[in-house]
C-alpha atoms as a PDB file:
ATOM      1  CA  MET A   1      -0.045  -0.314  -0.369  1.00  0.00           C
ATOM      2  CA  ASP A   2       1.338   3.420  -0.941  1.00  0.00           C
ATOM      3  CA  GLY A   3       1.123   5.662   2.065  1.00  0.00           C
ATOM      4  CA  THR A   4      -0.068   9.522   1.437  1.00  0.00           C
ATOM      5  CA  LYS A   5       3.216  11.770   1.451  1.00  0.00           C
ATOM      6  CA  SER A   6       2.487  14.278   3.793  1.00  0.00           C
ATOM      7  CA  SER A   7       0.525  11.852   6.399  1.00  0.00           C
ATOM      8  CA  PRO A   8       3.304  11.806   9.031  1.00  0.00           C
ATOM      9  CA  VAL A   9       5.008   8.773  11.217  1.00  0.00           C
ATOM     10  CA  GLU A  10       4.423   8.282  15.023  1.00  0.00           C
ATOM     11  CA  LEU A  11       6.898   5.950  16.193  1.00  0.00           C
ATOM     12  CA  ARG A  12       5.819   4.374  19.914  1.00  0.00           C
ATOM     13  CA  ARG A  13       6.811   0.967  21.573  1.00  0.00           C
ATOM     14  CA  LEU A  14       4.651  -2.206  20.655  1.00  0.00           C
ATOM     15  CA  TRP A  15       3.287  -3.705  24.115  1.00  0.00           C
ATOM     16  CA  PRO A  16       0.927  -7.460  24.355  1.00  0.00           C
ATOM     17  CA  ALA A  17      -2.356  -4.750  23.047  1.00  0.00           C
ATOM     18  CA  ASP A  18      -0.249  -4.600  19.701  1.00  0.00           C
ATOM     19  CA  LYS A  19       0.017  -8.458  19.224  1.00  0.00           C
ATOM     20  CA  GLU A  20      -2.105  -8.188  16.376  1.00  0.00           C
ATOM     21  CA  ALA A  21      -1.481  -5.110  14.660  1.00  0.00           C
ATOM     22  CA  PHE A  22       2.190  -6.585  14.904  1.00  0.00           C
ATOM     23  CA  ARG A  23       1.104 -10.175  13.232  1.00  0.00           C
ATOM     24  CA  HIS A  24      -0.633  -8.226  10.396  1.00  0.00           C
ATOM     25  CA  HIS A  25       1.946  -6.515  10.069  1.00  0.00           C
ATOM     26  CA  LEU A  26       3.971  -9.399   9.257  1.00  0.00           C
ATOM     27  CA  LEU A  27       1.832 -11.416   7.465  1.00  0.00           C
ATOM     28  CA  SER A  28       1.531  -7.873   5.057  1.00  0.00           C
ATOM     29  CA  LEU A  29       5.200  -8.432   4.085  1.00  0.00           C
ATOM     30  CA  ASP A  30       5.701  -8.883   0.643  1.00  0.00           C
ATOM     31  CA  PRO A  31       8.014 -12.196  -0.380  1.00  0.00           C
ATOM     32  CA  ARG A  32      10.741 -10.474  -1.161  1.00  0.00           C
ATOM     33  CA  SER A  33      10.661  -8.814   2.392  1.00  0.00           C
ATOM     34  CA  ARG A  34       9.857 -11.669   4.088  1.00  0.00           C
ATOM     35  CA  HIS A  35      13.256 -13.032   2.873  1.00  0.00           C
ATOM     36  CA  LEU A  36      15.433 -10.526   3.662  1.00  0.00           C
ATOM     37  CA  ARG A  37      13.544  -9.724   7.204  1.00  0.00           C
ATOM     38  CA  PHE A  38      13.703 -13.832   8.128  1.00  0.00           C
ATOM     39  CA  GLY A  39      16.577 -15.034   5.442  1.00  0.00           C
ATOM     40  CA  GLY A  40      14.015 -17.380   3.469  1.00  0.00           C
ATOM     41  CA  GLY A  41      10.339 -17.538   2.247  1.00  0.00           C
ATOM     42  CA  MET A  42       8.511 -17.766   5.335  1.00  0.00           C
ATOM     43  CA  SER A  43       5.106 -19.162   5.583  1.00  0.00           C
ATOM     44  CA  ASP A  44       1.830 -17.610   7.280  1.00  0.00           C
ATOM     45  CA  ASP A  45       1.796 -19.820   9.912  1.00  0.00           C
ATOM     46  CA  PHE A  46       5.726 -19.385  10.680  1.00  0.00           C
ATOM     47  CA  LEU A  47       4.935 -15.627  11.174  1.00  0.00           C
ATOM     48  CA  VAL A  48       1.585 -16.070  13.050  1.00  0.00           C
ATOM     49  CA  ARG A  49       3.865 -18.202  16.049  1.00  0.00           C
ATOM     50  CA  TYR A  50       6.544 -15.623  15.376  1.00  0.00           C
ATOM     51  CA  ALA A  51       4.457 -12.734  16.147  1.00  0.00           C
ATOM     52  CA  GLU A  52       2.508 -14.590  19.218  1.00  0.00           C
ATOM     53  CA  ASN A  53       6.482 -14.799  20.593  1.00  0.00           C
ATOM     54  CA  CYS A  54       7.739 -11.517  20.384  1.00  0.00           C
ATOM     55  CA  PHE A  55       6.350  -9.721  23.913  1.00  0.00           C
ATOM     56  CA  GLY A  56       8.729 -11.924  26.348  1.00  0.00           C
ATOM     57  CA  LYS A  57      10.911 -10.549  29.087  1.00  0.00           C
ATOM     58  CA  GLY A  58      13.786 -10.167  26.549  1.00  0.00           C
ATOM     59  CA  ASP A  59      11.770  -8.569  23.616  1.00  0.00           C
ATOM     60  CA  LEU A  60      11.287  -4.795  23.019  1.00  0.00           C
ATOM     61  CA  ILE A  61       9.640  -3.851  19.963  1.00  0.00           C
ATOM     62  CA  TYR A  62       8.568  -0.511  18.293  1.00  0.00           C
ATOM     63  CA  GLY A  63       6.903   0.290  15.814  1.00  0.00           C
ATOM     64  CA  ALA A  64       6.171   3.085  13.165  1.00  0.00           C
ATOM     65  CA  PHE A  65       2.409   3.919  12.385  1.00  0.00           C
ATOM     66  CA  ILE A  66       0.521   6.151   9.409  1.00  0.00           C
ATOM     67  CA  ASP A  67      -3.091   7.002   9.800  1.00  0.00           C
ATOM     68  CA  GLY A  68      -2.664   4.632  12.409  1.00  0.00           C
ATOM     69  CA  GLU A  69      -1.836   1.730  10.280  1.00  0.00           C
ATOM     70  CA  LEU A  70       1.646  -0.174  11.778  1.00  0.00           C
ATOM     71  CA  VAL A  71       4.078  -0.139   8.250  1.00  0.00           C
ATOM     72  CA  GLY A  72       6.752  -0.350  10.305  1.00  0.00           C
ATOM     73  CA  ALA A  73       8.956  -2.096  13.293  1.00  0.00           C
ATOM     74  CA  ALA A  74      11.874  -2.824  15.113  1.00  0.00           C
ATOM     75  CA  GLU A  75      12.835  -5.464  17.461  1.00  0.00           C
ATOM     76  CA  LEU A  76      15.559  -5.785  19.984  1.00  0.00           C
ATOM     77  CA  ARG A  77      15.714  -9.061  21.820  1.00  0.00           C
ATOM     78  CA  SER A  78      18.132 -10.536  24.177  1.00  0.00           C
ATOM     79  CA  ASN A  79      18.054 -14.116  25.830  1.00  0.00           C
ATOM     80  CA  GLN A  80      20.005 -11.898  29.197  1.00  0.00           C
ATOM     81  CA  ALA A  81      18.115  -8.601  29.310  1.00  0.00           C
ATOM     82  CA  ILE A  82      14.287  -8.359  31.572  1.00  0.00           C
ATOM     83  CA  TRP A  83      13.312  -4.964  29.814  1.00  0.00           C
ATOM     84  CA  SER A  84      11.390  -4.126  32.966  1.00  0.00           C
ATOM     85  CA  GLU A  85      14.400  -3.006  34.500  1.00  0.00           C
ATOM     86  CA  GLN A  86      16.254  -0.387  33.020  1.00  0.00           C
ATOM     87  CA  ALA A  87      19.801   0.271  32.766  1.00  0.00           C
ATOM     88  CA  PRO A  88      20.718  -2.987  34.458  1.00  0.00           C
ATOM     89  CA  PHE A  89      24.200  -1.266  35.101  1.00  0.00           C
ATOM     90  CA  GLY A  90      27.149  -3.633  35.189  1.00  0.00           C
ATOM     91  CA  ARG A  91      25.540  -6.703  33.123  1.00  0.00           C
ATOM     92  CA  HIS A  92      27.217  -6.774  29.807  1.00  0.00           C
ATOM     93  CA  ILE A  93      24.007  -7.459  27.170  1.00  0.00           C
ATOM     94  CA  HIS A  94      23.684  -8.184  24.207  1.00  0.00           C
ATOM     95  CA  ALA A  95      20.892  -7.966  21.769  1.00  0.00           C
ATOM     96  CA  GLU A  96      19.856  -8.607  18.350  1.00  0.00           C
ATOM     97  CA  ALA A  97      17.964  -5.736  16.432  1.00  0.00           C
ATOM     98  CA  ALA A  98      15.871  -6.354  13.281  1.00  0.00           C
ATOM     99  CA  PHE A  99      13.536  -4.677  11.303  1.00  0.00           C
ATOM    100  CA  SER A 100      10.767  -4.485   8.521  1.00  0.00           C
ATOM    101  CA  VAL A 101       8.768  -1.923   6.589  1.00  0.00           C
ATOM    102  CA  ASP A 102       6.077  -2.021   4.635  1.00  0.00           C
ATOM    103  CA  ASP A 103       6.994  -1.972   0.553  1.00  0.00           C
ATOM    104  CA  GLY A 104       4.864   0.727   0.158  1.00  0.00           C
ATOM    105  CA  TYR A 105       6.336   3.012   2.743  1.00  0.00           C
ATOM    106  CA  ARG A 106       9.633   2.417   1.987  1.00  0.00           C
ATOM    107  CA  ARG A 107      12.705   5.609   0.736  1.00  0.00           C
ATOM    108  CA  ARG A 108      10.341   7.949   3.463  1.00  0.00           C
ATOM    109  CA  GLY A 109      12.908   7.840   6.255  1.00  0.00           C
ATOM    110  CA  ILE A 110      10.868   4.669   8.409  1.00  0.00           C
ATOM    111  CA  GLY A 111      13.926   2.513   8.926  1.00  0.00           C
ATOM    112  CA  GLU A 112      16.348   5.287   9.960  1.00  0.00           C
ATOM    113  CA  LYS A 113      13.723   6.635  12.600  1.00  0.00           C
ATOM    114  CA  LEU A 114      13.129   2.935  13.405  1.00  0.00           C
ATOM    115  CA  PHE A 115      17.095   2.634  14.019  1.00  0.00           C
ATOM    116  CA  LYS A 116      17.361   5.517  15.903  1.00  0.00           C
ATOM    117  CA  ARG A 117      14.495   4.724  18.212  1.00  0.00           C
ATOM    118  CA  ILE A 118      16.393   1.459  18.821  1.00  0.00           C
ATOM    119  CA  LEU A 119      19.436   2.739  19.919  1.00  0.00           C
ATOM    120  CA  ARG A 120      18.097   4.815  22.386  1.00  0.00           C
ATOM    121  CA  ALA A 121      16.374   1.659  23.984  1.00  0.00           C
ATOM    122  CA  ALA A 122      19.430  -0.302  23.994  1.00  0.00           C
ATOM    123  CA  THR A 123      20.675   2.660  25.569  1.00  0.00           C
ATOM    124  CA  ASN A 124      18.481   3.480  28.561  1.00  0.00           C
ATOM    125  CA  HIS A 125      18.280  -0.596  29.037  1.00  0.00           C
ATOM    126  CA  GLY A 126      21.827  -1.540  29.561  1.00  0.00           C
ATOM    127  CA  VAL A 127      23.034  -3.267  26.424  1.00  0.00           C
ATOM    128  CA  GLU A 128      26.768  -3.032  25.860  1.00  0.00           C
ATOM    129  CA  THR A 129      26.600  -4.340  22.094  1.00  0.00           C
ATOM    130  CA  ILE A 130      23.634  -4.493  19.430  1.00  0.00           C
ATOM    131  CA  GLU A 131      24.212  -7.159  16.566  1.00  0.00           C
ATOM    132  CA  ILE A 132      22.691  -6.979  13.242  1.00  0.00           C
ATOM    133  CA  VAL A 133      22.241 -10.147  11.154  1.00  0.00           C
ATOM    134  CA  CYS A 134      20.789 -10.364   7.460  1.00  0.00           C
ATOM    135  CA  LEU A 135      21.532 -11.750   4.042  1.00  0.00           C
ATOM    136  CA  PRO A 136      24.372 -10.393   1.876  1.00  0.00           C
ATOM    137  CA  GLU A 137      21.927  -9.386  -0.577  1.00  0.00           C
ATOM    138  CA  ASN A 138      20.330  -6.970   1.997  1.00  0.00           C
ATOM    139  CA  VAL A 139      22.329  -4.029   0.796  1.00  0.00           C
ATOM    140  CA  GLY A 140      19.173  -1.550   2.463  1.00  0.00           C
ATOM    141  CA  MET A 141      19.732  -3.028   5.930  1.00  0.00           C
ATOM    142  CA  GLN A 142      23.686  -2.500   5.178  1.00  0.00           C
ATOM    143  CA  ASN A 143      23.532   0.823   4.443  1.00  0.00           C
ATOM    144  CA  LEU A 144      21.449   1.905   7.223  1.00  0.00           C
ATOM    145  CA  ALA A 145      23.509   0.293   9.849  1.00  0.00           C
ATOM    146  CA  ARG A 146      26.556   1.745   8.329  1.00  0.00           C
ATOM    147  CA  LYS A 147      25.038   4.927   9.159  1.00  0.00           C
ATOM    148  CA  PHE A 148      25.859   4.436  12.809  1.00  0.00           C
ATOM    149  CA  SER A 149      28.314   3.453  12.558  1.00  0.00           C
ATOM    150  CA  ALA A 150      27.611  -0.613  12.230  1.00  0.00           C
ATOM    151  CA  HIS A 151      30.493  -2.527  11.115  1.00  0.00           C
ATOM    152  CA  PHE A 152      29.565  -5.657   9.003  1.00  0.00           C
ATOM    153  CA  ALA A 153      31.308  -9.221   9.016  1.00  0.00           C
ATOM    154  CA  PHE A 154      30.795 -12.388   6.802  1.00  0.00           C
ATOM    155  CA  GLU A 155      29.733 -15.320   8.973  1.00  0.00           C
ATOM    156  CA  GLU A 156      28.496 -18.447   6.878  1.00  0.00           C
ATOM    157  CA  ASN A 157      25.713 -17.321   4.782  1.00  0.00           C
ATOM    158  CA  TRP A 158      25.110 -14.064   6.580  1.00  0.00           C
ATOM    159  CA  LEU A 159      26.761 -10.577   7.239  1.00  0.00           C
ATOM    160  CA  THR A 160      26.417  -9.961  10.979  1.00  0.00           C
ATOM    161  CA  GLY A 161      27.052  -6.092  12.082  1.00  0.00           C
ATOM    162  CA  ARG A 162      28.202  -4.714  15.606  1.00  0.00           C
ATOM    163  CA  LEU A 163      27.773  -1.655  17.319  1.00  0.00           C
ATOM    164  CA  THR A 164      27.844  -0.348  20.564  1.00  0.00           C
ATOM    165  CA  ALA A 165      25.663   1.589  22.151  1.00  0.00           C
ATOM    166  CA  ARG A 166      26.245   4.920  24.375  1.00  0.00           C
ATOM    167  CA  PRO A 167      25.942   4.919  28.032  1.00  0.00           C
ATOM    168  CA  PRO A 168      22.777   6.425  29.595  1.00  0.00           C
ATOM    169  CA  THR A 169      22.349   9.915  31.160  1.00  0.00           C
ATOM    170  CA  ALA A 170      19.617  10.303  34.022  1.00  0.00           C
ATOM    171  CA  PHE A 171      17.660  12.906  31.249  1.00  0.00           C
ATOM    172  CA  SER A 172      17.596   9.660  28.759  1.00  0.00           C
ATOM    173  CA  LEU A 173      15.939   7.404  31.757  1.00  0.00           C
ATOM    174  CA  ILE A 174      13.767  10.033  32.380  1.00  0.00           C
ATOM    175  CA  ARG A 175      12.489  10.688  28.616  1.00  0.00           C
ATOM    176  CA  GLU A 176      12.418   6.640  28.791  1.00  0.00           C
ATOM    177  CA  ALA A 177      10.285   5.703  31.413  1.00  0.00           C
ATOM    178  CA  SER A 178       7.694   8.679  30.113  1.00  0.00           C
ATOM    179  CA  GLY A 179       7.585   7.435  26.902  1.00  0.00           C
ATOM    180  CA  ASP A 180       6.953   3.984  27.685  1.00  0.00           C
ATOM    181  CA  ALA A 181       4.277   5.416  29.711  1.00  0.00           C
ATOM    182  CA  LEU A 182       2.662   6.701  26.753  1.00  0.00           C
ATOM    183  CA  ASP A 183       2.921   4.602  24.866  1.00  0.00           C
ATOM    184  CA  PHE A 184       1.140   1.771  26.638  1.00  0.00           C
ATOM    185  CA  GLY A 185      -1.250   3.922  27.174  1.00  0.00           C
ATOM    186  CA  ALA A 186      -1.507   4.388  23.365  1.00  0.00           C
ATOM    187  CA  ALA A 187      -1.293   0.826  22.624  1.00  0.00           C
ATOM    188  CA  LEU A 188      -4.204   0.270  25.174  1.00  0.00           C
ATOM    189  CA  PHE A 189      -6.610   2.661  23.362  1.00  0.00           C
ATOM    190  CA  ASP A 190      -5.961   1.182  20.058  1.00  0.00           C
ATOM    191  CA  ALA A 191      -6.729  -1.591  20.717  1.00  0.00           C
ATOM    192  CA  HIS A 192      -9.766  -0.945  22.076  1.00  0.00           C
ATOM    193  CA  TRP A 193     -11.066   0.730  18.792  1.00  0.00           C
ATOM    194  CA  ARG A 194      -9.192  -2.010  16.852  1.00  0.00           C
ATOM    195  CA  ALA A 195     -11.924  -4.628  19.144  1.00  0.00           C
ATOM    196  CA  VAL A 196     -14.814  -1.733  18.506  1.00  0.00           C
ATOM    197  CA  ALA A 197     -13.950  -1.733  14.704  1.00  0.00           C
ATOM    198  CA  ASP A 198     -13.642  -5.279  13.976  1.00  0.00           C
ATOM    199  CA  ALA A 199     -17.145  -5.597  16.263  1.00  0.00           C
ATOM    200  CA  ARG A 200     -19.354  -3.069  13.991  1.00  0.00           C
ATOM    201  CA  GLU A 201     -17.821  -5.277  11.006  1.00  0.00           C
ATOM    202  CA  LYS A 202     -18.828  -8.112  12.215  1.00  0.00           C
ATOM    203  CA  GLY A 203     -22.675  -6.225  13.209  1.00  0.00           C
ATOM    204  CA  ALA A 204     -22.759  -4.903   9.639  1.00  0.00           C
END
């Protein structure tokens, strides 16, 4: 789908209440986008199962919305982290970042906005090293990551980029906490209106 050029991009953290919107975003990816994001032509069933397991203790997900529709997502995932704790100093957490943007909304700076948000989240949650794993043909992802000084190395059939997050400040921690609170409220509001819209559609 092509977005209206004048429509603003709104970024916020995704919560379990957004699971349906996140699942729909993944299912809307065209075959090439699925291949570049997951390293293969993933089926709808795989994407549904994947979305179900993306809101655990070690997962942070951010979404880009245009006119209320989720058109891009960024994930920061780690088996070392518990994201309810901010900036766990002394814990050298490593996390993997991944990005997806609907084909009709690319080349609008959405990937760059999501990348900046992931870096901010990493800073404020004690992440030391961020990894970005992608296929060699995913030149767009490589170019985006290099804008933020990620260095890529070839590992088997993949390229792995690594960068180091900045240490947090008192201001960045306050900004993160207040943003999370606002995003949580927005997620509940959006989920409510999606339910209302679904009910009206079924009753029509």
